[in-house]
Amino acid sequence: MTTSGEKFNPYTGRALVPNAIDATPQAALLGLEPPRFCGDCGRRLVVQVMPNGWHSVCSRHGGIDSESRGQR
């Protein structure tokens, strides 16, 4: 976990910078792409895509899924 409170883009893995434009992929904006990076630490997630949604797991921060994000 980052101690500075830094957050990361869950689709690109880049650090979020206040007042900066971050190019999030169009498929992610439409809800068609699961997050591939942890928003807390920027690590790559283990992602399982299923016919009815997806499930992502960070080795440090645990898992999230499409149901918890309201995308299922």
C-alpha atoms as a PDB file:
ATOM      1  CA  MET A   1       0.000   0.000   0.000  1.00  0.00           C
ATOM      2  CA  THR A   2       1.262   3.470  -0.768  1.00  0.00           C
ATOM      3  CA  THR A   3       1.955   5.683   2.213  1.00  0.00           C
ATOM      4  CA  SER A   4       1.531   8.943   0.278  1.00  0.00           C
ATOM      5  CA  GLY A   5      -2.134   8.259  -0.513  1.00  0.00           C
ATOM      6  CA  GLU A   6      -1.374   8.115  -4.215  1.00  0.00           C
ATOM      7  CA  LYS A   7      -4.116   6.621  -6.420  1.00  0.00           C
ATOM      8  CA  PHE A   8      -3.793   4.884  -9.782  1.00  0.00           C
ATOM      9  CA  ASN A   9      -5.963   4.573 -12.871  1.00  0.00           C
ATOM     10  CA  PRO A  10      -7.454   1.043 -12.748  1.00  0.00           C
ATOM     11  CA  TYR A  11      -7.372   0.733 -16.559  1.00  0.00           C
ATOM     12  CA  THR A  12      -3.911   2.102 -17.386  1.00  0.00           C
ATOM     13  CA  GLY A  13      -1.962   1.696 -14.122  1.00  0.00           C
ATOM     14  CA  ARG A  14      -0.687   5.272 -14.286  1.00  0.00           C
ATOM     15  CA  ALA A  15      -0.612   7.460 -11.188  1.00  0.00           C
ATOM     16  CA  LEU A  16      -3.538   9.890 -11.043  1.00  0.00           C
ATOM     17  CA  VAL A  17      -2.375  13.494 -11.052  1.00  0.00           C
ATOM     18  CA  PRO A  18      -4.821  16.213  -9.900  1.00  0.00           C
ATOM     19  CA  ASN A  19      -6.044  18.462 -12.743  1.00  0.00           C
ATOM     20  CA  ALA A  20      -4.366  16.293 -15.387  1.00  0.00           C
ATOM     21  CA  ILE A  21      -6.126  14.600 -18.282  1.00  0.00           C
ATOM     22  CA  ASP A  22      -5.898  10.805 -18.037  1.00  0.00           C
ATOM     23  CA  ALA A  23      -6.627   8.847 -21.212  1.00  0.00           C
ATOM     24  CA  THR A  24      -8.955   6.086 -20.048  1.00  0.00           C
ATOM     25  CA  PRO A  25      -9.754   3.629 -22.874  1.00  0.00           C
ATOM     26  CA  GLN A  26     -13.176   4.107 -24.485  1.00  0.00           C
ATOM     27  CA  ALA A  27     -14.178   0.479 -23.766  1.00  0.00           C
ATOM     28  CA  ALA A  28     -13.559   1.091 -20.061  1.00  0.00           C
ATOM     29  CA  LEU A  29     -15.692   4.245 -20.131  1.00  0.00           C
ATOM     30  CA  LEU A  30     -18.526   2.200 -21.652  1.00  0.00           C
ATOM     31  CA  GLY A  31     -18.199  -0.465 -18.937  1.00  0.00           C
ATOM     32  CA  LEU A  32     -16.990  -3.136 -21.366  1.00  0.00           C
ATOM     33  CA  GLU A  33     -13.503  -3.576 -19.918  1.00  0.00           C
ATOM     34  CA  PRO A  34     -12.669  -4.793 -16.396  1.00  0.00           C
ATOM     35  CA  PRO A  35     -10.028  -2.943 -14.381  1.00  0.00           C
ATOM     36  CA  ARG A  36      -6.556  -4.377 -15.007  1.00  0.00           C
ATOM     37  CA  PHE A  37      -4.597  -2.485 -12.312  1.00  0.00           C
ATOM     38  CA  CYS A  38      -5.192  -1.868  -8.596  1.00  0.00           C
ATOM     39  CA  GLY A  39      -6.422   1.668  -7.894  1.00  0.00           C
ATOM     40  CA  ASP A  40      -4.591   1.697  -4.542  1.00  0.00           C
ATOM     41  CA  CYS A  41      -1.129   0.433  -5.467  1.00  0.00           C
ATOM     42  CA  GLY A  42      -0.967   0.262  -9.285  1.00  0.00           C
ATOM     43  CA  ARG A  43      -0.122  -3.468  -9.330  1.00  0.00           C
ATOM     44  CA  ARG A  44      -1.436  -5.667 -12.118  1.00  0.00           C
ATOM     45  CA  LEU A  45      -4.632  -7.519 -11.154  1.00  0.00           C
ATOM     46  CA  VAL A  46      -5.506 -11.154 -11.771  1.00  0.00           C
ATOM     47  CA  VAL A  47      -8.697 -10.831 -13.843  1.00  0.00           C
ATOM     48  CA  GLN A  48     -11.248 -13.502 -14.676  1.00  0.00           C
ATOM     49  CA  VAL A  49     -13.855 -12.582 -17.287  1.00  0.00           C
ATOM     50  CA  MET A  50     -17.054 -14.630 -17.213  1.00  0.00           C
ATOM     51  CA  PRO A  51     -20.174 -14.506 -19.414  1.00  0.00           C
ATOM     52  CA  ASN A  52     -22.082 -12.588 -16.739  1.00  0.00           C
ATOM     53  CA  GLY A  53     -19.299 -10.269 -15.484  1.00  0.00           C
ATOM     54  CA  TRP A  54     -15.726 -10.201 -14.206  1.00  0.00           C
ATOM     55  CA  HIS A  55     -13.696 -10.668 -11.014  1.00  0.00           C
ATOM     56  CA  SER A  56     -10.368  -8.930 -10.287  1.00  0.00           C
ATOM     57  CA  VAL A  57      -7.931  -9.655  -7.442  1.00  0.00           C
ATOM     58  CA  CYS A  58      -4.984  -7.605  -6.157  1.00  0.00           C
ATOM     59  CA  SER A  59      -2.375  -9.577  -4.234  1.00  0.00           C
ATOM     60  CA  ARG A  60      -2.273  -6.796  -1.600  1.00  0.00           C
ATOM     61  CA  HIS A  61      -5.796  -5.328  -1.481  1.00  0.00           C
ATOM     62  CA  GLY A  62      -8.131  -8.218  -2.259  1.00  0.00           C
ATOM     63  CA  GLY A  63     -10.816  -8.611  -4.876  1.00  0.00           C
ATOM     64  CA  ILE A  64     -13.553  -6.638  -6.575  1.00  0.00           C
ATOM     65  CA  ASP A  65     -16.118  -7.787  -9.098  1.00  0.00           C
ATOM     66  CA  SER A  66     -18.570  -6.359 -11.585  1.00  0.00           C
ATOM     67  CA  GLU A  67     -21.492  -6.949  -9.237  1.00  0.00           C
ATOM     68  CA  SER A  68     -19.969  -4.757  -6.508  1.00  0.00           C
ATOM     69  CA  ARG A  69     -19.431  -2.020  -9.111  1.00  0.00           C
ATOM     70  CA  GLY A  70     -22.981  -2.289 -10.451  1.00  0.00           C
ATOM     71  CA  GLN A  71     -21.815  -3.483 -13.876  1.00  0.00           C
ATOM     72  CA  ARG A  72     -23.357  -6.965 -13.859  1.00  0.00           C
END
